[in-house]
Amino acid sequence: MILSEFSKYLQSKNEELILNKTTATKLLCEWIRIVINKNPKSNTDKIVHTEIMLAENKSGDFFIVGKSESGRVLIKALTNFALSYENYIMQKWLIDKKPDDFKLE
């Protein structure tokens, strides 16, 4: 349920990932921030509010913390999903590439 919601968000930002404007882990922080900053209505929002805390420093770096053991498991699952999605995008990009495409001149 939560991975499905995050997946929809990643898919909506697919073009930014392909153009290398952002990473899936940055999008994870962005999605968590959006969910935490709104009034929780859906079960996904309520779970994220209950289980995850997001901290940001002055530099704009984020730190995601699980409020409980289940929150830490959820963060790990979301992070793994973000990384696997990034690998999927890279794999799709590499399909039509040849070794000669990467030669330095």
PDB file of N, CA and C in Angstrom:
ATOM      1  N   MET A   1       0.834  -1.184   0.000  1.00  0.00           N
ATOM      2  CA  MET A   1       0.000   0.000   0.000  1.00  0.00           C
ATOM      3  C   MET A   1       0.883   1.253   0.000  1.00  0.00           C
ATOM      4  N   ILE A   2       1.846   1.333   0.910  1.00  0.00           N
ATOM      5  CA  ILE A   2       2.715   2.497   0.986  1.00  0.00           C
ATOM      6  C   ILE A   2       3.678   2.502  -0.200  1.00  0.00           C
ATOM      7  N   LEU A   3       4.241   1.339  -0.524  1.00  0.00           N
ATOM      8  CA  LEU A   3       5.131   1.257  -1.682  1.00  0.00           C
ATOM      9  C   LEU A   3       4.393   1.624  -2.968  1.00  0.00           C
ATOM     10  N   SER A   4       3.138   1.261  -3.048  1.00  0.00           N
ATOM     11  CA  SER A   4       2.333   1.593  -4.224  1.00  0.00           C
ATOM     12  C   SER A   4       2.175   3.107  -4.376  1.00  0.00           C
ATOM     13  N   GLU A   5       1.914   3.789  -3.273  1.00  0.00           N
ATOM     14  CA  GLU A   5       1.773   5.250  -3.309  1.00  0.00           C
ATOM     15  C   GLU A   5       3.096   5.913  -3.689  1.00  0.00           C
ATOM     16  N   PHE A   6       4.181   5.422  -3.094  1.00  0.00           N
ATOM     17  CA  PHE A   6       5.496   5.971  -3.427  1.00  0.00           C
ATOM     18  C   PHE A   6       5.845   5.676  -4.883  1.00  0.00           C
ATOM     19  N   SER A   7       5.479   4.508  -5.365  1.00  0.00           N
ATOM     20  CA  SER A   7       5.729   4.141  -6.751  1.00  0.00           C
ATOM     21  C   SER A   7       5.020   5.096  -7.708  1.00  0.00           C
ATOM     22  N   LYS A   8       3.794   5.451  -7.406  1.00  0.00           N
ATOM     23  CA  LYS A   8       3.055   6.400  -8.241  1.00  0.00           C
ATOM     24  C   LYS A   8       3.770   7.747  -8.282  1.00  0.00           C
ATOM     25  N   TYR A   9       4.293   8.154  -7.128  1.00  0.00           N
ATOM     26  CA  TYR A   9       5.016   9.419  -7.065  1.00  0.00           C
ATOM     27  C   TYR A   9       6.287   9.348  -7.918  1.00  0.00           C
ATOM     28  N   LEU A  10       7.035   8.238  -7.806  1.00  0.00           N
ATOM     29  CA  LEU A  10       8.244   8.070  -8.617  1.00  0.00           C
ATOM     30  C   LEU A  10       7.917   8.095 -10.107  1.00  0.00           C
ATOM     31  N   GLN A  11       6.851   7.434 -10.480  1.00  0.00           N
ATOM     32  CA  GLN A  11       6.467   7.391 -11.885  1.00  0.00           C
ATOM     33  C   GLN A  11       6.097   8.779 -12.399  1.00  0.00           C
ATOM     34  N   SER A  12       5.513   9.606 -11.527  1.00  0.00           N
ATOM     35  CA  SER A  12       5.169  10.964 -11.948  1.00  0.00           C
ATOM     36  C   SER A  12       6.417  11.819 -12.152  1.00  0.00           C
ATOM     37  N   LYS A  13       7.523  11.429 -11.536  1.00  0.00           N
ATOM     38  CA  LYS A  13       8.796  12.156 -11.655  1.00  0.00           C
ATOM     39  C   LYS A  13       9.787  11.414 -12.544  1.00  0.00           C
ATOM     40  N   ASN A  14       9.304  10.488 -13.344  1.00  0.00           N
ATOM     41  CA  ASN A  14      10.144   9.634 -14.176  1.00  0.00           C
ATOM     42  C   ASN A  14      11.047  10.436 -15.113  1.00  0.00           C
ATOM     43  N   GLU A  15      10.513  11.480 -15.707  1.00  0.00           N
ATOM     44  CA  GLU A  15      11.290  12.287 -16.651  1.00  0.00           C
ATOM     45  C   GLU A  15      12.490  12.933 -15.971  1.00  0.00           C
ATOM     46  N   GLU A  16      12.306  13.420 -14.750  1.00  0.00           N
ATOM     47  CA  GLU A  16      13.419  14.014 -14.005  1.00  0.00           C
ATOM     48  C   GLU A  16      14.505  12.982 -13.712  1.00  0.00           C
ATOM     49  N   LEU A  17      14.100  11.756 -13.424  1.00  0.00           N
ATOM     50  CA  LEU A  17      15.069  10.689 -13.184  1.00  0.00           C
ATOM     51  C   LEU A  17      15.841  10.350 -14.459  1.00  0.00           C
ATOM     52  N   ILE A  18      15.145  10.258 -15.555  1.00  0.00           N
ATOM     53  CA  ILE A  18      15.782   9.920 -16.829  1.00  0.00           C
ATOM     54  C   ILE A  18      16.780  11.007 -17.240  1.00  0.00           C
ATOM     55  N   LEU A  19      16.411  12.265 -17.024  1.00  0.00           N
ATOM     56  CA  LEU A  19      17.289  13.379 -17.385  1.00  0.00           C
ATOM     57  C   LEU A  19      18.372  13.638 -16.339  1.00  0.00           C
ATOM     58  N   ASN A  20      18.397  12.800 -15.292  1.00  0.00           N
ATOM     59  CA  ASN A  20      19.414  12.890 -14.240  1.00  0.00           C
ATOM     60  C   ASN A  20      19.355  14.218 -13.476  1.00  0.00           C
ATOM     61  N   LYS A  21      18.146  14.770 -13.323  1.00  0.00           N
ATOM     62  CA  LYS A  21      17.967  16.008 -12.568  1.00  0.00           C
ATOM     63  C   LYS A  21      17.842  15.735 -11.077  1.00  0.00           C
ATOM     64  N   THR A  22      17.495  14.502 -10.728  1.00  0.00           N
ATOM     65  CA  THR A  22      17.332  14.119  -9.331  1.00  0.00           C
ATOM     66  C   THR A  22      17.600  12.624  -9.205  1.00  0.00           C
ATOM     67  N   THR A  23      17.547  12.135  -7.976  1.00  0.00           N
ATOM     68  CA  THR A  23      17.701  10.698  -7.741  1.00  0.00           C
ATOM     69  C   THR A  23      16.448  10.183  -7.054  1.00  0.00           C
ATOM     70  N   ALA A  24      16.282   8.890  -7.072  1.00  0.00           N
ATOM     71  CA  ALA A  24      15.103   8.289  -6.440  1.00  0.00           C
ATOM     72  C   ALA A  24      15.145   8.458  -4.928  1.00  0.00           C
ATOM     73  N   THR A  25      16.328   8.474  -4.338  1.00  0.00           N
ATOM     74  CA  THR A  25      16.406   8.668  -2.883  1.00  0.00           C
ATOM     75  C   THR A  25      16.048  10.107  -2.503  1.00  0.00           C
ATOM     76  N   LYS A  26      16.402  11.069  -3.341  1.00  0.00           N
ATOM     77  CA  LYS A  26      15.978  12.452  -3.085  1.00  0.00           C
ATOM     78  C   LYS A  26      14.461  12.569  -3.220  1.00  0.00           C
ATOM     79  N   LEU A  27      13.925  11.862  -4.193  1.00  0.00           N
ATOM     80  CA  LEU A  27      12.473  11.871  -4.367  1.00  0.00           C
ATOM     81  C   LEU A  27      11.768  11.202  -3.193  1.00  0.00           C
ATOM     82  N   LEU A  28      12.412  10.203  -2.588  1.00  0.00           N
ATOM     83  CA  LEU A  28      11.846   9.572  -1.394  1.00  0.00           C
ATOM     84  C   LEU A  28      11.714  10.599  -0.282  1.00  0.00           C
ATOM     85  N   CYS A  29      12.753  11.376  -0.046  1.00  0.00           N
ATOM     86  CA  CYS A  29      12.693  12.424   0.985  1.00  0.00           C
ATOM     87  C   CYS A  29      11.626  13.458   0.657  1.00  0.00           C
ATOM     88  N   GLU A  30      11.557  13.830  -0.609  1.00  0.00           N
ATOM     89  CA  GLU A  30      10.551  14.805  -1.041  1.00  0.00           C
ATOM     90  C   GLU A  30       9.138  14.267  -0.802  1.00  0.00           C
ATOM     91  N   TRP A  31       8.922  12.992  -1.149  1.00  0.00           N
ATOM     92  CA  TRP A  31       7.599  12.386  -0.972  1.00  0.00           C
ATOM     93  C   TRP A  31       7.239  12.302   0.513  1.00  0.00           C
ATOM     94  N   ILE A  32       8.185  11.886   1.333  1.00  0.00           N
ATOM     95  CA  ILE A  32       7.919  11.809   2.778  1.00  0.00           C
ATOM     96  C   ILE A  32       7.594  13.192   3.325  1.00  0.00           C
ATOM     97  N   ARG A  33       8.343  14.207   2.887  1.00  0.00           N
ATOM     98  CA  ARG A  33       8.076  15.570   3.348  1.00  0.00           C
ATOM     99  C   ARG A  33       6.667  16.016   2.946  1.00  0.00           C
ATOM    100  N   ILE A  34       6.258  15.704   1.728  1.00  0.00           N
ATOM    101  CA  ILE A  34       4.913  16.071   1.268  1.00  0.00           C
ATOM    102  C   ILE A  34       3.857  15.384   2.119  1.00  0.00           C
ATOM    103  N   VAL A  35       4.046  14.084   2.373  1.00  0.00           N
ATOM    104  CA  VAL A  35       3.065  13.320   3.156  1.00  0.00           C
ATOM    105  C   VAL A  35       3.006  13.820   4.593  1.00  0.00           C
ATOM    106  N   ILE A  36       4.151  14.086   5.188  1.00  0.00           N
ATOM    107  CA  ILE A  36       4.194  14.520   6.590  1.00  0.00           C
ATOM    108  C   ILE A  36       3.594  15.917   6.766  1.00  0.00           C
ATOM    109  N   ASN A  37       3.780  16.792   5.760  1.00  0.00           N
ATOM    110  CA  ASN A  37       3.313  18.171   5.885  1.00  0.00           C
ATOM    111  C   ASN A  37       1.824  18.362   5.602  1.00  0.00           C
ATOM    112  N   LYS A  38       1.158  17.320   5.144  1.00  0.00           N
ATOM    113  CA  LYS A  38      -0.281  17.473   4.911  1.00  0.00           C
ATOM    114  C   LYS A  38      -1.068  16.756   6.006  1.00  0.00           C
ATOM    115  N   ASN A  39      -2.312  17.107   6.104  1.00  0.00           N
ATOM    116  CA  ASN A  39      -3.200  16.488   7.085  1.00  0.00           C
ATOM    117  C   ASN A  39      -3.462  15.043   6.659  1.00  0.00           C
ATOM    118  N   PRO A  40      -3.131  14.058   7.515  1.00  0.00           N
ATOM    119  CA  PRO A  40      -3.289  12.650   7.099  1.00  0.00           C
ATOM    120  C   PRO A  40      -4.757  12.264   6.935  1.00  0.00           C
ATOM    121  N   LYS A  41      -5.080  11.794   5.733  1.00  0.00           N
ATOM    122  CA  LYS A  41      -6.449  11.363   5.456  1.00  0.00           C
ATOM    123  C   LYS A  41      -6.500   9.885   5.116  1.00  0.00           C
ATOM    124  N   SER A  42      -5.545   9.438   4.286  1.00  0.00           N
ATOM    125  CA  SER A  42      -5.542   8.031   3.891  1.00  0.00           C
ATOM    126  C   SER A  42      -4.751   7.212   4.905  1.00  0.00           C
ATOM    127  N   ASN A  43      -4.897   5.904   4.806  1.00  0.00           N
ATOM    128  CA  ASN A  43      -4.136   5.025   5.698  1.00  0.00           C
ATOM    129  C   ASN A  43      -2.636   5.169   5.471  1.00  0.00           C
ATOM    130  N   THR A  44      -2.238   5.364   4.227  1.00  0.00           N
ATOM    131  CA  THR A  44      -0.816   5.568   3.918  1.00  0.00           C
ATOM    132  C   THR A  44      -0.284   6.790   4.649  1.00  0.00           C
ATOM    133  N   ASP A  45      -1.011   7.897   4.565  1.00  0.00           N
ATOM    134  CA  ASP A  45      -0.589   9.121   5.246  1.00  0.00           C
ATOM    135  C   ASP A  45      -0.492   8.910   6.749  1.00  0.00           C
ATOM    136  N   LYS A  46      -1.465   8.229   7.316  1.00  0.00           N
ATOM    137  CA  LYS A  46      -1.478   8.002   8.768  1.00  0.00           C
ATOM    138  C   LYS A  46      -0.299   7.147   9.212  1.00  0.00           C
ATOM    139  N   ILE A  47       0.021   6.124   8.428  1.00  0.00           N
ATOM    140  CA  ILE A  47       1.143   5.249   8.777  1.00  0.00           C
ATOM    141  C   ILE A  47       2.455   6.012   8.690  1.00  0.00           C
ATOM    142  N   VAL A  48       2.638   6.778   7.619  1.00  0.00           N
ATOM    143  CA  VAL A  48       3.871   7.564   7.476  1.00  0.00           C
ATOM    144  C   VAL A  48       3.998   8.554   8.627  1.00  0.00           C
ATOM    145  N   HIS A  49       2.916   9.216   8.991  1.00  0.00           N
ATOM    146  CA  HIS A  49       2.932  10.156  10.121  1.00  0.00           C
ATOM    147  C   HIS A  49       3.316   9.452  11.421  1.00  0.00           C
ATOM    148  N   THR A  50       2.820   8.258  11.608  1.00  0.00           N
ATOM    149  CA  THR A  50       3.048   7.521  12.850  1.00  0.00           C
ATOM    150  C   THR A  50       4.448   6.927  12.914  1.00  0.00           C
ATOM    151  N   GLU A  51       4.963   6.445  11.808  1.00  0.00           N
ATOM    152  CA  GLU A  51       6.189   5.648  11.806  1.00  0.00           C
ATOM    153  C   GLU A  51       7.462   6.382  11.401  1.00  0.00           C
ATOM    154  N   ILE A  52       7.352   7.511  10.693  1.00  0.00           N
ATOM    155  CA  ILE A  52       8.542   8.146  10.127  1.00  0.00           C
ATOM    156  C   ILE A  52       8.647   9.607  10.574  1.00  0.00           C
ATOM    157  N   MET A  53       9.893   9.987  10.859  1.00  0.00           N
ATOM    158  CA  MET A  53      10.192  11.381  11.170  1.00  0.00           C
ATOM    159  C   MET A  53      11.253  11.843  10.178  1.00  0.00           C
ATOM    160  N   LEU A  54      11.128  13.060   9.689  1.00  0.00           N
ATOM    161  CA  LEU A  54      12.053  13.605   8.708  1.00  0.00           C
ATOM    162  C   LEU A  54      12.676  14.863   9.287  1.00  0.00           C
ATOM    163  N   ALA A  55      13.996  14.919   9.283  1.00  0.00           N
ATOM    164  CA  ALA A  55      14.718  16.098   9.758  1.00  0.00           C
ATOM    165  C   ALA A  55      15.518  16.675   8.599  1.00  0.00           C
ATOM    166  N   GLU A  56      15.657  17.999   8.589  1.00  0.00           N
ATOM    167  CA  GLU A  56      16.409  18.667   7.540  1.00  0.00           C
ATOM    168  C   GLU A  56      17.371  19.657   8.178  1.00  0.00           C
ATOM    169  N   ASN A  57      18.607  19.682   7.675  1.00  0.00           N
ATOM    170  CA  ASN A  57      19.560  20.646   8.213  1.00  0.00           C
ATOM    171  C   ASN A  57      19.557  21.911   7.360  1.00  0.00           C
ATOM    172  N   LYS A  58      20.397  22.875   7.730  1.00  0.00           N
ATOM    173  CA  LYS A  58      20.424  24.162   7.026  1.00  0.00           C
ATOM    174  C   LYS A  58      20.902  24.031   5.586  1.00  0.00           C
ATOM    175  N   SER A  59      21.646  22.997   5.300  1.00  0.00           N
ATOM    176  CA  SER A  59      22.151  22.766   3.941  1.00  0.00           C
ATOM    177  C   SER A  59      21.105  22.152   3.025  1.00  0.00           C
ATOM    178  N   GLY A  60      19.983  21.727   3.584  1.00  0.00           N
ATOM    179  CA  GLY A  60      18.935  21.094   2.792  1.00  0.00           C
ATOM    180  C   GLY A  60      19.052  19.589   2.730  1.00  0.00           C
ATOM    181  N   ASP A  61      19.975  19.024   3.515  1.00  0.00           N
ATOM    182  CA  ASP A  61      20.111  17.568   3.576  1.00  0.00           C
ATOM    183  C   ASP A  61      19.042  16.999   4.499  1.00  0.00           C
ATOM    184  N   PHE A  62      18.540  15.809   4.145  1.00  0.00           N
ATOM    185  CA  PHE A  62      17.483  15.190   4.915  1.00  0.00           C
ATOM    186  C   PHE A  62      17.998  13.991   5.689  1.00  0.00           C
ATOM    187  N   PHE A  63      17.324  13.731   6.776  1.00  0.00           N
ATOM    188  CA  PHE A  63      17.630  12.573   7.609  1.00  0.00           C
ATOM    189  C   PHE A  63      16.294  11.921   7.938  1.00  0.00           C
ATOM    190  N   ILE A  64      16.119  10.687   7.512  1.00  0.00           N
ATOM    191  CA  ILE A  64      14.871   9.971   7.743  1.00  0.00           C
ATOM    192  C   ILE A  64      15.062   9.037   8.925  1.00  0.00           C
ATOM    193  N   VAL A  65      14.158   9.103   9.898  1.00  0.00           N
ATOM    194  CA  VAL A  65      14.270   8.297  11.115  1.00  0.00           C
ATOM    195  C   VAL A  65      12.968   7.539  11.328  1.00  0.00           C
ATOM    196  N   GLY A  66      13.106   6.266  11.651  1.00  0.00           N
ATOM    197  CA  GLY A  66      11.943   5.472  12.027  1.00  0.00           C
ATOM    198  C   GLY A  66      11.647   5.687  13.506  1.00  0.00           C
ATOM    199  N   LYS A  67      10.407   5.953  13.832  1.00  0.00           N
ATOM    200  CA  LYS A  67      10.023   6.194  15.222  1.00  0.00           C
ATOM    201  C   LYS A  67       9.944   4.911  16.032  1.00  0.00           C
ATOM    202  N   SER A  68       9.887   3.781  15.342  1.00  0.00           N
ATOM    203  CA  SER A  68       9.821   2.478  16.004  1.00  0.00           C
ATOM    204  C   SER A  68      10.517   1.461  15.096  1.00  0.00           C
ATOM    205  N   GLU A  69      10.567   0.232  15.545  1.00  0.00           N
ATOM    206  CA  GLU A  69      11.187  -0.817  14.732  1.00  0.00           C
ATOM    207  C   GLU A  69      10.447  -0.984  13.403  1.00  0.00           C
ATOM    208  N   SER A  70       9.130  -0.934  13.433  1.00  0.00           N
ATOM    209  CA  SER A  70       8.372  -1.068  12.183  1.00  0.00           C
ATOM    210  C   SER A  70       8.619   0.136  11.268  1.00  0.00           C
ATOM    211  N   GLY A  71       8.867   1.300  11.839  1.00  0.00           N
ATOM    212  CA  GLY A  71       9.208   2.480  11.048  1.00  0.00           C
ATOM    213  C   GLY A  71      10.549   2.315  10.363  1.00  0.00           C
ATOM    214  N   ARG A  72      11.512   1.725  11.068  1.00  0.00           N
ATOM    215  CA  ARG A  72      12.824   1.477  10.477  1.00  0.00           C
ATOM    216  C   ARG A  72      12.724   0.454   9.345  1.00  0.00           C
ATOM    217  N   VAL A  73      11.896  -0.544   9.523  1.00  0.00           N
ATOM    218  CA  VAL A  73      11.685  -1.539   8.463  1.00  0.00           C
ATOM    219  C   VAL A  73      11.033  -0.868   7.246  1.00  0.00           C
ATOM    220  N   LEU A  74      10.073   0.006   7.497  1.00  0.00           N
ATOM    221  CA  LEU A  74       9.402   0.730   6.410  1.00  0.00           C
ATOM    222  C   LEU A  74      10.395   1.610   5.653  1.00  0.00           C
ATOM    223  N   ILE A  75      11.254   2.315   6.370  1.00  0.00           N
ATOM    224  CA  ILE A  75      12.254   3.169   5.721  1.00  0.00           C
ATOM    225  C   ILE A  75      13.198   2.331   4.867  1.00  0.00           C
ATOM    226  N   LYS A  76      13.621   1.196   5.401  1.00  0.00           N
ATOM    227  CA  LYS A  76      14.516   0.317   4.648  1.00  0.00           C
ATOM    228  C   LYS A  76      13.828  -0.169   3.370  1.00  0.00           C
ATOM    229  N   ALA A  77      12.569  -0.544   3.470  1.00  0.00           N
ATOM    230  CA  ALA A  77      11.821  -1.020   2.302  1.00  0.00           C
ATOM    231  C   ALA A  77      11.667   0.097   1.260  1.00  0.00           C
ATOM    232  N   LEU A  78      11.345   1.301   1.713  1.00  0.00           N
ATOM    233  CA  LEU A  78      11.189   2.429   0.794  1.00  0.00           C
ATOM    234  C   LEU A  78      12.517   2.784   0.127  1.00  0.00           C
ATOM    235  N   THR A  79      13.594   2.754   0.897  1.00  0.00           N
ATOM    236  CA  THR A  79      14.919   3.056   0.348  1.00  0.00           C
ATOM    237  C   THR A  79      15.334   2.001  -0.673  1.00  0.00           C
ATOM    238  N   ASN A  80      15.136   0.734  -0.339  1.00  0.00           N
ATOM    239  CA  ASN A  80      15.457  -0.344  -1.282  1.00  0.00           C
ATOM    240  C   ASN A  80      14.636  -0.227  -2.565  1.00  0.00           C
ATOM    241  N   PHE A  81      13.360   0.134  -2.417  1.00  0.00           N
ATOM    242  CA  PHE A  81      12.504   0.307  -3.587  1.00  0.00           C
ATOM    243  C   PHE A  81      13.010   1.462  -4.449  1.00  0.00           C
ATOM    244  N   ALA A  82      13.382   2.582  -3.819  1.00  0.00           N
ATOM    245  CA  ALA A  82      13.898   3.737  -4.555  1.00  0.00           C
ATOM    246  C   ALA A  82      15.158   3.366  -5.325  1.00  0.00           C
ATOM    247  N   LEU A  83      16.066   2.646  -4.676  1.00  0.00           N
ATOM    248  CA  LEU A  83      17.308   2.245  -5.341  1.00  0.00           C
ATOM    249  C   LEU A  83      17.044   1.261  -6.476  1.00  0.00           C
ATOM    250  N   SER A  84      16.118   0.339  -6.279  1.00  0.00           N
ATOM    251  CA  SER A  84      15.813  -0.617  -7.337  1.00  0.00           C
ATOM    252  C   SER A  84      15.140   0.077  -8.518  1.00  0.00           C
ATOM    253  N   TYR A  85      14.328   1.089  -8.252  1.00  0.00           N
ATOM    254  CA  TYR A  85      13.692   1.844  -9.332  1.00  0.00           C
ATOM    255  C   TYR A  85      14.746   2.603 -10.140  1.00  0.00           C
ATOM    256  N   GLU A  86      15.718   3.168  -9.428  1.00  0.00           N
ATOM    257  CA  GLU A  86      16.819   3.861 -10.096  1.00  0.00           C
ATOM    258  C   GLU A  86      17.602   2.893 -10.990  1.00  0.00           C
ATOM    259  N   ASN A  87      17.862   1.697 -10.493  1.00  0.00           N
ATOM    260  CA  ASN A  87      18.550   0.673 -11.291  1.00  0.00           C
ATOM    261  C   ASN A  87      17.730   0.275 -12.509  1.00  0.00           C
ATOM    262  N   TYR A  88      16.419   0.196 -12.333  1.00  0.00           N
ATOM    263  CA  TYR A  88      15.520  -0.135 -13.442  1.00  0.00           C
ATOM    264  C   TYR A  88      15.594   0.930 -14.539  1.00  0.00           C
ATOM    265  N   ILE A  89      15.586   2.193 -14.138  1.00  0.00           N
ATOM    266  CA  ILE A  89      15.678   3.293 -15.106  1.00  0.00           C
ATOM    267  C   ILE A  89      17.013   3.217 -15.846  1.00  0.00           C
ATOM    268  N   MET A  90      18.091   2.960 -15.111  1.00  0.00           N
ATOM    269  CA  MET A  90      19.415   2.850 -15.731  1.00  0.00           C
ATOM    270  C   MET A  90      19.469   1.664 -16.697  1.00  0.00           C
ATOM    271  N   GLN A  91      18.882   0.563 -16.306  1.00  0.00           N
ATOM    272  CA  GLN A  91      18.866  -0.624 -17.167  1.00  0.00           C
ATOM    273  C   GLN A  91      18.135  -0.331 -18.476  1.00  0.00           C
ATOM    274  N   LYS A  92      17.003   0.356 -18.388  1.00  0.00           N
ATOM    275  CA  LYS A  92      16.258   0.710 -19.593  1.00  0.00           C
ATOM    276  C   LYS A  92      17.076   1.628 -20.492  1.00  0.00           C
ATOM    277  N   TRP A  93      17.841   2.535 -19.879  1.00  0.00           N
ATOM    278  CA  TRP A  93      18.655   3.465 -20.641  1.00  0.00           C
ATOM    279  C   TRP A  93      19.795   2.731 -21.344  1.00  0.00           C
ATOM    280  N   LEU A  94      20.359   1.724 -20.689  1.00  0.00           N
ATOM    281  CA  LEU A  94      21.510   1.005 -21.231  1.00  0.00           C
ATOM    282  C   LEU A  94      21.166  -0.014 -22.311  1.00  0.00           C
ATOM    283  N   ILE A  95      19.906  -0.363 -22.469  1.00  0.00           N
ATOM    284  CA  ILE A  95      19.509  -1.431 -23.387  1.00  0.00           C
ATOM    285  C   ILE A  95      20.034  -1.210 -24.803  1.00  0.00           C
ATOM    286  N   ASP A  96      19.909  -0.012 -25.330  1.00  0.00           N
ATOM    287  CA  ASP A  96      20.303   0.225 -26.718  1.00  0.00           C
ATOM    288  C   ASP A  96      21.711   0.801 -26.862  1.00  0.00           C
ATOM    289  N   LYS A  97      22.466   0.827 -25.783  1.00  0.00           N
ATOM    290  CA  LYS A  97      23.834   1.356 -25.819  1.00  0.00           C
ATOM    291  C   LYS A  97      24.819   0.257 -26.200  1.00  0.00           C
ATOM    292  N   LYS A  98      25.911   0.695 -26.853  1.00  0.00           N
ATOM    293  CA  LYS A  98      26.987  -0.205 -27.237  1.00  0.00           C
ATOM    294  C   LYS A  98      28.266   0.248 -26.542  1.00  0.00           C
ATOM    295  N   PRO A  99      29.242  -0.636 -26.387  1.00  0.00           N
ATOM    296  CA  PRO A  99      30.497  -0.233 -25.726  1.00  0.00           C
ATOM    297  C   PRO A  99      31.157   0.974 -26.386  1.00  0.00           C
ATOM    298  N   ASP A 100      31.026   1.094 -27.689  1.00  0.00           N
ATOM    299  CA  ASP A 100      31.638   2.232 -28.398  1.00  0.00           C
ATOM    300  C   ASP A 100      31.005   3.569 -27.995  1.00  0.00           C
ATOM    301  N   ASP A 101      29.800   3.540 -27.488  1.00  0.00           N
ATOM    302  CA  ASP A 101      29.135   4.768 -27.062  1.00  0.00           C
ATOM    303  C   ASP A 101      29.830   5.408 -25.863  1.00  0.00           C
ATOM    304  N   PHE A 102      30.677   4.663 -25.179  1.00  0.00           N
ATOM    305  CA  PHE A 102      31.308   5.155 -23.949  1.00  0.00           C
ATOM    306  C   PHE A 102      32.799   5.430 -24.110  1.00  0.00           C
ATOM    307  N   LYS A 103      33.295   5.420 -25.344  1.00  0.00           N
ATOM    308  CA  LYS A 103      34.709   5.690 -25.580  1.00  0.00           C
ATOM    309  C   LYS A 103      34.995   7.164 -25.410  1.00  0.00           C
ATOM    310  N   LEU A 104      36.112   7.433 -24.753  1.00  0.00           N
ATOM    311  CA  LEU A 104      36.574   8.806 -24.611  1.00  0.00           C
ATOM    312  C   LEU A 104      37.497   9.134 -25.778  1.00  0.00           C
ATOM    313  N   GLU A 105      37.379  10.307 -26.306  1.00  0.00           N
ATOM    314  CA  GLU A 105      38.234  10.677 -27.428  1.00  0.00           C
ATOM    315  C   GLU A 105      39.174  11.765 -27.048  1.00  0.00           C
TER     316      GLU A 105
END
